[in-house]
Structure formats: C-alpha cells, structure tokens
Amino acid sequence: MSEFPIMYVCGVSHYADKCDDHFRDETAKYVKEFHYYRSNQCGHDLVNPGVCSEYQTVIDKIVSFVENT
C-alpha cells in the first residue's frame, strides 16, 4: 500500500484513462490517502478555460488537496 497521498482528477468524458467508480475503488485499495475528483462537465483538458467550463473548480480542488496534505 502506498503511503504517499494521491489525488486523481479526471473528466467524465476523458479519453485517455478510465474515470469511473470501478477504477476509483480499485485504486483506493492500494493507496492509503487516495483522493478522487471527477468533473462531470469536462473531458481531458481539465484546467483549460477554453475547453472545461469548471476549470476553476478543478484548480481549487487541486490547490486544496496540496494545502491540506
């Protein structure tokens, strides 16, 4: 089990990786501090304001994770 905190962020229509509950649950088994955020509005380019309508929410989630771990 990994002791290093991990935050996986993906978009619901992400084409490069799996972004679903099964992936989240299976990964969490191997990571002690696993955090997961799935954007229901975006796909692959989560921090690009021209592509992702909730880019600021994604950035805020990442910043909060870094500040609190």
PDB file of N, CA and C in Angstrom:
ATOM      1  N   MET A   1       0.847  -1.177   0.000  1.00  0.00           N
ATOM      2  CA  MET A   1       0.000   0.000   0.000  1.00  0.00           C
ATOM      3  C   MET A   1       0.894   1.242   0.000  1.00  0.00           C
ATOM      4  N   SER A   2       0.542   2.192  -0.807  1.00  0.00           N
ATOM      5  CA  SER A   2       1.300   3.442  -0.895  1.00  0.00           C
ATOM      6  C   SER A   2       0.971   4.345   0.284  1.00  0.00           C
ATOM      7  N   GLU A   3       1.982   4.901   0.886  1.00  0.00           N
ATOM      8  CA  GLU A   3       1.798   5.848   1.983  1.00  0.00           C
ATOM      9  C   GLU A   3       1.754   7.282   1.478  1.00  0.00           C
ATOM     10  N   PHE A   4       2.032   7.474   0.202  1.00  0.00           N
ATOM     11  CA  PHE A   4       2.082   8.795  -0.396  1.00  0.00           C
ATOM     12  C   PHE A   4       0.676   9.221  -0.796  1.00  0.00           C
ATOM     13  N   PRO A   5       0.199  10.404  -0.365  1.00  0.00           N
ATOM     14  CA  PRO A   5      -1.150  10.833  -0.736  1.00  0.00           C
ATOM     15  C   PRO A   5      -1.268  11.067  -2.243  1.00  0.00           C
ATOM     16  N   ILE A   6      -2.368  10.600  -2.795  1.00  0.00           N
ATOM     17  CA  ILE A   6      -2.610  10.687  -4.232  1.00  0.00           C
ATOM     18  C   ILE A   6      -3.964  11.345  -4.476  1.00  0.00           C
ATOM     19  N   MET A   7      -4.000  12.247  -5.440  1.00  0.00           N
ATOM     20  CA  MET A   7      -5.281  12.788  -5.891  1.00  0.00           C
ATOM     21  C   MET A   7      -5.367  12.558  -7.389  1.00  0.00           C
ATOM     22  N   TYR A   8      -6.367  11.815  -7.786  1.00  0.00           N
ATOM     23  CA  TYR A   8      -6.590  11.546  -9.199  1.00  0.00           C
ATOM     24  C   TYR A   8      -7.744  12.430  -9.652  1.00  0.00           C
ATOM     25  N   VAL A   9      -7.505  13.222 -10.679  1.00  0.00           N
ATOM     26  CA  VAL A   9      -8.504  14.140 -11.211  1.00  0.00           C
ATOM     27  C   VAL A   9      -8.730  13.782 -12.669  1.00  0.00           C
ATOM     28  N   CYS A  10      -9.975  13.606 -13.036  1.00  0.00           N
ATOM     29  CA  CYS A  10     -10.274  13.289 -14.429  1.00  0.00           C
ATOM     30  C   CYS A  10     -11.649  13.815 -14.802  1.00  0.00           C
ATOM     31  N   GLY A  11     -11.876  13.872 -16.078  1.00  0.00           N
ATOM     32  CA  GLY A  11     -13.167  14.306 -16.589  1.00  0.00           C
ATOM     33  C   GLY A  11     -14.015  13.117 -16.983  1.00  0.00           C
ATOM     34  N   VAL A  12     -15.303  13.285 -16.914  1.00  0.00           N
ATOM     35  CA  VAL A  12     -16.217  12.180 -17.184  1.00  0.00           C
ATOM     36  C   VAL A  12     -16.077  11.659 -18.615  1.00  0.00           C
ATOM     37  N   SER A  13     -15.701  12.514 -19.534  1.00  0.00           N
ATOM     38  CA  SER A  13     -15.524  12.058 -20.909  1.00  0.00           C
ATOM     39  C   SER A  13     -14.043  11.975 -21.283  1.00  0.00           C
ATOM     40  N   HIS A  14     -13.215  11.709 -20.301  1.00  0.00           N
ATOM     41  CA  HIS A  14     -11.773  11.600 -20.507  1.00  0.00           C
ATOM     42  C   HIS A  14     -11.488  10.410 -21.412  1.00  0.00           C
ATOM     43  N   TYR A  15     -10.738  10.620 -22.461  1.00  0.00           N
ATOM     44  CA  TYR A  15     -10.496   9.555 -23.435  1.00  0.00           C
ATOM     45  C   TYR A  15      -9.208   8.772 -23.179  1.00  0.00           C
ATOM     46  N   ALA A  16      -8.318   9.275 -22.338  1.00  0.00           N
ATOM     47  CA  ALA A  16      -7.028   8.618 -22.148  1.00  0.00           C
ATOM     48  C   ALA A  16      -7.017   7.633 -20.989  1.00  0.00           C
ATOM     49  N   ASP A  17      -7.819   7.849 -19.985  1.00  0.00           N
ATOM     50  CA  ASP A  17      -7.844   6.996 -18.794  1.00  0.00           C
ATOM     51  C   ASP A  17      -9.270   6.622 -18.441  1.00  0.00           C
ATOM     52  N   LYS A  18      -9.374   5.629 -17.604  1.00  0.00           N
ATOM     53  CA  LYS A  18     -10.681   5.275 -17.061  1.00  0.00           C
ATOM     54  C   LYS A  18     -11.032   6.295 -15.986  1.00  0.00           C
ATOM     55  N   CYS A  19     -12.219   6.756 -16.005  1.00  0.00           N
ATOM     56  CA  CYS A  19     -12.681   7.704 -14.985  1.00  0.00           C
ATOM     57  C   CYS A  19     -14.049   7.235 -14.534  1.00  0.00           C
ATOM     58  N   ASP A  20     -14.050   6.169 -13.761  1.00  0.00           N
ATOM     59  CA  ASP A  20     -15.320   5.629 -13.305  1.00  0.00           C
ATOM     60  C   ASP A  20     -15.182   5.100 -11.878  1.00  0.00           C
ATOM     61  N   ASP A  21     -16.285   4.693 -11.314  1.00  0.00           N
ATOM     62  CA  ASP A  21     -16.287   4.236  -9.924  1.00  0.00           C
ATOM     63  C   ASP A  21     -15.435   2.989  -9.724  1.00  0.00           C
ATOM     64  N   HIS A  22     -15.438   2.087 -10.685  1.00  0.00           N
ATOM     65  CA  HIS A  22     -14.630   0.869 -10.562  1.00  0.00           C
ATOM     66  C   HIS A  22     -13.146   1.212 -10.467  1.00  0.00           C
ATOM     67  N   PHE A  23     -12.668   2.072 -11.346  1.00  0.00           N
ATOM     68  CA  PHE A  23     -11.266   2.498 -11.315  1.00  0.00           C
ATOM     69  C   PHE A  23     -10.944   3.151  -9.972  1.00  0.00           C
ATOM     70  N   ARG A  24     -11.813   4.057  -9.532  1.00  0.00           N
ATOM     71  CA  ARG A  24     -11.598   4.743  -8.262  1.00  0.00           C
ATOM     72  C   ARG A  24     -11.493   3.744  -7.118  1.00  0.00           C
ATOM     73  N   ASP A  25     -12.435   2.827  -7.025  1.00  0.00           N
ATOM     74  CA  ASP A  25     -12.472   1.878  -5.915  1.00  0.00           C
ATOM     75  C   ASP A  25     -11.280   0.924  -5.928  1.00  0.00           C
ATOM     76  N   GLU A  26     -10.894   0.458  -7.100  1.00  0.00           N
ATOM     77  CA  GLU A  26      -9.757  -0.456  -7.187  1.00  0.00           C
ATOM     78  C   GLU A  26      -8.444   0.250  -6.843  1.00  0.00           C
ATOM     79  N   THR A  27      -8.273   1.470  -7.294  1.00  0.00           N
ATOM     80  CA  THR A  27      -7.055   2.224  -6.984  1.00  0.00           C
ATOM     81  C   THR A  27      -6.979   2.530  -5.495  1.00  0.00           C
ATOM     82  N   ALA A  28      -8.094   2.883  -4.909  1.00  0.00           N
ATOM     83  CA  ALA A  28      -8.128   3.230  -3.483  1.00  0.00           C
ATOM     84  C   ALA A  28      -7.672   2.071  -2.590  1.00  0.00           C
ATOM     85  N   LYS A  29      -7.786   0.862  -3.069  1.00  0.00           N
ATOM     86  CA  LYS A  29      -7.334  -0.302  -2.292  1.00  0.00           C
ATOM     87  C   LYS A  29      -5.821  -0.293  -2.071  1.00  0.00           C
ATOM     88  N   TYR A  30      -5.091   0.395  -2.948  1.00  0.00           N
ATOM     89  CA  TYR A  30      -3.627   0.367  -2.911  1.00  0.00           C
ATOM     90  C   TYR A  30      -2.995   1.658  -2.409  1.00  0.00           C
ATOM     91  N   VAL A  31      -3.814   2.646  -2.106  1.00  0.00           N
ATOM     92  CA  VAL A  31      -3.306   3.948  -1.696  1.00  0.00           C
ATOM     93  C   VAL A  31      -3.987   4.339  -0.387  1.00  0.00           C
ATOM     94  N   LYS A  32      -3.178   4.560   0.638  1.00  0.00           N
ATOM     95  CA  LYS A  32      -3.735   4.875   1.954  1.00  0.00           C
ATOM     96  C   LYS A  32      -4.538   6.170   1.938  1.00  0.00           C
ATOM     97  N   GLU A  33      -3.984   7.211   1.351  1.00  0.00           N
ATOM     98  CA  GLU A  33      -4.659   8.512   1.272  1.00  0.00           C
ATOM     99  C   GLU A  33      -5.003   8.810  -0.186  1.00  0.00           C
ATOM    100  N   PHE A  34      -6.071   8.198  -0.658  1.00  0.00           N
ATOM    101  CA  PHE A  34      -6.485   8.356  -2.051  1.00  0.00           C
ATOM    102  C   PHE A  34      -7.632   9.357  -2.128  1.00  0.00           C
ATOM    103  N   HIS A  35      -7.433  10.376  -2.945  1.00  0.00           N
ATOM    104  CA  HIS A  35      -8.469  11.397  -3.158  1.00  0.00           C
ATOM    105  C   HIS A  35      -8.799  11.394  -4.644  1.00  0.00           C
ATOM    106  N   TYR A  36     -10.064  11.601  -4.946  1.00  0.00           N
ATOM    107  CA  TYR A  36     -10.534  11.452  -6.321  1.00  0.00           C
ATOM    108  C   TYR A  36     -11.532  12.562  -6.627  1.00  0.00           C
ATOM    109  N   TYR A  37     -11.351  13.185  -7.758  1.00  0.00           N
ATOM    110  CA  TYR A  37     -12.322  14.174  -8.214  1.00  0.00           C
ATOM    111  C   TYR A  37     -12.623  13.933  -9.684  1.00  0.00           C
ATOM    112  N   ARG A  38     -13.892  13.784  -9.984  1.00  0.00           N
ATOM    113  CA  ARG A  38     -14.324  13.587 -11.363  1.00  0.00           C
ATOM    114  C   ARG A  38     -15.196  14.771 -11.772  1.00  0.00           C
ATOM    115  N   SER A  39     -14.775  15.439 -12.807  1.00  0.00           N
ATOM    116  CA  SER A  39     -15.553  16.542 -13.362  1.00  0.00           C
ATOM    117  C   SER A  39     -16.623  15.972 -14.285  1.00  0.00           C
ATOM    118  N   ASN A  40     -17.855  16.339 -14.040  1.00  0.00           N
ATOM    119  CA  ASN A  40     -18.948  15.883 -14.894  1.00  0.00           C
ATOM    120  C   ASN A  40     -19.175  16.807 -16.083  1.00  0.00           C
ATOM    121  N   GLN A  41     -18.394  17.879 -16.170  1.00  0.00           N
ATOM    122  CA  GLN A  41     -18.554  18.853 -17.241  1.00  0.00           C
ATOM    123  C   GLN A  41     -17.416  18.834 -18.258  1.00  0.00           C
ATOM    124  N   CYS A  42     -16.342  18.121 -17.956  1.00  0.00           N
ATOM    125  CA  CYS A  42     -15.139  18.226 -18.789  1.00  0.00           C
ATOM    126  C   CYS A  42     -14.623  16.854 -19.191  1.00  0.00           C
ATOM    127  N   GLY A  43     -13.720  16.893 -20.158  1.00  0.00           N
ATOM    128  CA  GLY A  43     -13.083  15.673 -20.623  1.00  0.00           C
ATOM    129  C   GLY A  43     -11.631  15.639 -20.237  1.00  0.00           C
ATOM    130  N   HIS A  44     -10.753  15.797 -21.203  1.00  0.00           N
ATOM    131  CA  HIS A  44      -9.323  15.599 -20.982  1.00  0.00           C
ATOM    132  C   HIS A  44      -8.599  16.845 -20.460  1.00  0.00           C
ATOM    133  N   ASP A  45      -8.880  17.995 -20.963  1.00  0.00           N
ATOM    134  CA  ASP A  45      -8.112  19.212 -20.655  1.00  0.00           C
ATOM    135  C   ASP A  45      -8.784  19.993 -19.530  1.00  0.00           C
ATOM    136  N   LEU A  46      -8.619  19.506 -18.313  1.00  0.00           N
ATOM    137  CA  LEU A  46      -9.403  19.981 -17.168  1.00  0.00           C
ATOM    138  C   LEU A  46      -9.068  21.377 -16.666  1.00  0.00           C
ATOM    139  N   VAL A  47      -7.904  21.891 -16.950  1.00  0.00           N
ATOM    140  CA  VAL A  47      -7.551  23.221 -16.440  1.00  0.00           C
ATOM    141  C   VAL A  47      -7.462  24.260 -17.561  1.00  0.00           C
ATOM    142  N   ASN A  48      -8.055  23.965 -18.673  1.00  0.00           N
ATOM    143  CA  ASN A  48      -8.077  24.890 -19.805  1.00  0.00           C
ATOM    144  C   ASN A  48      -9.443  25.573 -19.857  1.00  0.00           C
ATOM    145  N   PRO A  49      -9.494  26.882 -19.592  1.00  0.00           N
ATOM    146  CA  PRO A  49     -10.792  27.569 -19.579  1.00  0.00           C
ATOM    147  C   PRO A  49     -11.518  27.538 -20.918  1.00  0.00           C
ATOM    148  N   GLY A  50     -10.799  27.365 -22.003  1.00  0.00           N
ATOM    149  CA  GLY A  50     -11.440  27.295 -23.307  1.00  0.00           C
ATOM    150  C   GLY A  50     -12.097  25.952 -23.589  1.00  0.00           C
ATOM    151  N   VAL A  51     -11.772  24.954 -22.774  1.00  0.00           N
ATOM    152  CA  VAL A  51     -12.267  23.599 -23.006  1.00  0.00           C
ATOM    153  C   VAL A  51     -13.154  23.107 -21.862  1.00  0.00           C
ATOM    154  N   CYS A  52     -12.814  23.478 -20.646  1.00  0.00           N
ATOM    155  CA  CYS A  52     -13.502  22.975 -19.456  1.00  0.00           C
ATOM    156  C   CYS A  52     -14.230  24.114 -18.753  1.00  0.00           C
ATOM    157  N   SER A  53     -15.539  24.029 -18.695  1.00  0.00           N
ATOM    158  CA  SER A  53     -16.328  25.096 -18.077  1.00  0.00           C
ATOM    159  C   SER A  53     -16.123  25.198 -16.568  1.00  0.00           C
ATOM    160  N   GLU A  54     -15.682  24.133 -15.942  1.00  0.00           N
ATOM    161  CA  GLU A  54     -15.449  24.189 -14.495  1.00  0.00           C
ATOM    162  C   GLU A  54     -13.963  24.097 -14.151  1.00  0.00           C
ATOM    163  N   TYR A  55     -13.139  24.675 -15.001  1.00  0.00           N
ATOM    164  CA  TYR A  55     -11.685  24.630 -14.792  1.00  0.00           C
ATOM    165  C   TYR A  55     -11.285  25.208 -13.439  1.00  0.00           C
ATOM    166  N   GLN A  56     -11.946  26.268 -12.993  1.00  0.00           N
ATOM    167  CA  GLN A  56     -11.580  26.884 -11.711  1.00  0.00           C
ATOM    168  C   GLN A  56     -11.897  25.953 -10.546  1.00  0.00           C
ATOM    169  N   THR A  57     -12.972  25.209 -10.641  1.00  0.00           N
ATOM    170  CA  THR A  57     -13.300  24.224  -9.607  1.00  0.00           C
ATOM    171  C   THR A  57     -12.218  23.160  -9.541  1.00  0.00           C
ATOM    172  N   VAL A  58     -11.763  22.701 -10.679  1.00  0.00           N
ATOM    173  CA  VAL A  58     -10.702  21.693 -10.731  1.00  0.00           C
ATOM    174  C   VAL A  58      -9.432  22.239 -10.090  1.00  0.00           C
ATOM    175  N   ILE A  59      -9.051  23.444 -10.438  1.00  0.00           N
ATOM    176  CA  ILE A  59      -7.857  24.075  -9.856  1.00  0.00           C
ATOM    177  C   ILE A  59      -8.013  24.223  -8.351  1.00  0.00           C
ATOM    178  N   ASP A  60      -9.172  24.668  -7.900  1.00  0.00           N
ATOM    179  CA  ASP A  60      -9.421  24.828  -6.466  1.00  0.00           C
ATOM    180  C   ASP A  60      -9.313  23.505  -5.718  1.00  0.00           C
ATOM    181  N   LYS A  61      -9.819  22.428  -6.304  1.00  0.00           N
ATOM    182  CA  LYS A  61      -9.726  21.103  -5.673  1.00  0.00           C
ATOM    183  C   LYS A  61      -8.265  20.671  -5.538  1.00  0.00           C
ATOM    184  N   ILE A  62      -7.480  20.895  -6.573  1.00  0.00           N
ATOM    185  CA  ILE A  62      -6.069  20.518  -6.539  1.00  0.00           C
ATOM    186  C   ILE A  62      -5.310  21.343  -5.500  1.00  0.00           C
ATOM    187  N   VAL A  63      -5.529  22.642  -5.487  1.00  0.00           N
ATOM    188  CA  VAL A  63      -4.858  23.521  -4.518  1.00  0.00           C
ATOM    189  C   VAL A  63      -5.237  23.121  -3.095  1.00  0.00           C
ATOM    190  N   SER A  64      -6.505  22.861  -2.862  1.00  0.00           N
ATOM    191  CA  SER A  64      -6.953  22.441  -1.527  1.00  0.00           C
ATOM    192  C   SER A  64      -6.282  21.138  -1.100  1.00  0.00           C
ATOM    193  N   PHE A  65      -6.178  20.195  -2.020  1.00  0.00           N
ATOM    194  CA  PHE A  65      -5.519  18.931  -1.722  1.00  0.00           C
ATOM    195  C   PHE A  65      -4.063  19.148  -1.315  1.00  0.00           C
ATOM    196  N   VAL A  66      -3.348  19.968  -2.080  1.00  0.00           N
ATOM    197  CA  VAL A  66      -1.931  20.228  -1.802  1.00  0.00           C
ATOM    198  C   VAL A  66      -1.782  20.950  -0.459  1.00  0.00           C
ATOM    199  N   GLU A  67      -2.633  21.905  -0.195  1.00  0.00           N
ATOM    200  CA  GLU A  67      -2.541  22.669   1.060  1.00  0.00           C
ATOM    201  C   GLU A  67      -2.862  21.816   2.285  1.00  0.00           C
ATOM    202  N   ASN A  68      -3.691  20.801   2.115  1.00  0.00           N
ATOM    203  CA  ASN A  68      -4.161  20.019   3.265  1.00  0.00           C
ATOM    204  C   ASN A  68      -3.476  18.667   3.438  1.00  0.00           C
ATOM    205  N   THR A  69      -2.476  18.377   2.611  1.00  0.00           N
ATOM    206  CA  THR A  69      -1.774  17.096   2.792  1.00  0.00           C
ATOM    207  C   THR A  69      -0.338  17.325   3.198  1.00  0.00           C
TER     208      THR A  69
END
